[in-house]
């Protein structure tokens, strides 16, 4: 029943959120500033999108802002 849940959730994400997940999967140590530069949106927009991804249980931060990393949560 849970099978495919993560895939269905990702399909409902806006493009910038999908790109954030893709980039953090490729490089868990990527910074918000780097995400903003690559995606072409402000760091404020990155913060808002990350907040939504965390709320949906798809992304979490492990450790501090400096030296920590992103983890994609598997459903």
Protein backbone atom coordinates (compact mmCIF):
# COMPACT_ATOMS: atom_id res chain seq x y z
CA UNK A 1 0.00 0.00 0.00
CA UNK A 2 2.89 2.34 0.78
CA UNK A 3 4.67 1.20 -2.37
CA UNK A 4 4.93 4.08 -4.81
CA UNK A 5 3.96 6.68 -2.21
CA UNK A 6 7.25 8.56 -2.55
CA UNK A 7 6.94 8.58 -6.33
CA UNK A 8 3.39 9.96 -6.18
CA UNK A 9 4.46 12.67 -3.73
CA UNK A 10 7.36 13.73 -5.94
CA UNK A 11 5.03 14.01 -8.95
CA UNK A 12 2.98 16.60 -7.03
CA UNK A 13 5.99 18.79 -6.19
CA UNK A 14 6.66 21.99 -8.05
CA UNK A 15 9.63 21.98 -10.41
CA UNK A 16 11.97 23.83 -8.04
CA UNK A 17 11.24 21.33 -5.26
CA UNK A 18 11.94 18.44 -7.63
CA UNK A 19 15.24 20.06 -8.60
CA UNK A 20 16.18 20.61 -4.94
CA UNK A 21 15.61 16.90 -4.25
CA UNK A 22 17.62 15.89 -7.32
CA UNK A 23 20.53 18.19 -6.48
CA UNK A 24 20.64 17.22 -2.80
CA UNK A 25 20.60 13.54 -3.80
CA UNK A 26 23.55 14.14 -6.14
CA UNK A 27 25.43 16.22 -3.53
CA UNK A 28 24.15 15.96 0.06
CA UNK A 29 26.62 18.68 1.14
CA UNK A 30 25.30 21.32 -1.29
CA UNK A 31 24.57 24.72 0.27
CA UNK A 32 21.37 26.73 -0.03
CA UNK A 33 23.37 29.40 -1.87
CA UNK A 34 24.59 26.82 -4.40
CA UNK A 35 21.05 25.50 -4.84
CA UNK A 36 19.80 29.03 -5.49
CA UNK A 37 22.52 29.71 -8.07
CA UNK A 38 21.98 26.44 -9.94
CA UNK A 39 18.17 26.61 -9.94
CA UNK A 40 18.07 30.35 -10.59
CA UNK A 41 15.90 31.44 -7.66
CA UNK A 42 16.61 33.42 -4.49
CA UNK A 43 17.87 31.86 -1.28
CA UNK A 44 14.57 32.97 0.30
CA UNK A 45 12.71 30.89 -2.30
CA UNK A 46 15.05 27.97 -1.56
CA UNK A 47 14.21 28.30 2.16
CA UNK A 48 10.47 28.26 1.42
CA UNK A 49 10.76 25.21 -0.83
CA UNK A 50 12.94 23.35 1.68
CA UNK A 51 10.41 24.15 4.40
CA UNK A 52 7.68 22.54 2.27
CA UNK A 53 9.84 19.49 1.53
CA UNK A 54 10.55 19.07 5.25
CA UNK A 55 6.84 19.47 6.05
CA UNK A 56 6.03 16.72 3.53
CA UNK A 57 8.65 14.51 5.17
CA UNK A 58 10.80 14.24 2.04
CA UNK A 59 13.95 16.09 3.13
CA UNK A 60 15.80 16.69 6.36
CA UNK A 61 19.00 18.34 7.46
CA UNK A 62 21.53 16.31 9.42
CA UNK A 63 23.94 18.39 11.48
CA UNK A 64 24.59 22.13 11.45
CA UNK A 65 24.28 24.52 8.50
CA UNK A 66 28.07 24.44 8.12
CA UNK A 67 29.36 20.90 7.99
CA UNK A 68 25.98 19.18 7.90
CA UNK A 69 24.30 17.46 4.98
CA UNK A 70 20.89 16.86 3.40
CA UNK A 71 19.12 13.53 3.62
CA UNK A 72 16.26 12.50 1.37
CA UNK A 73 13.73 10.55 3.40
CA UNK A 74 12.54 7.33 1.78
CA UNK A 75 8.87 6.56 2.35
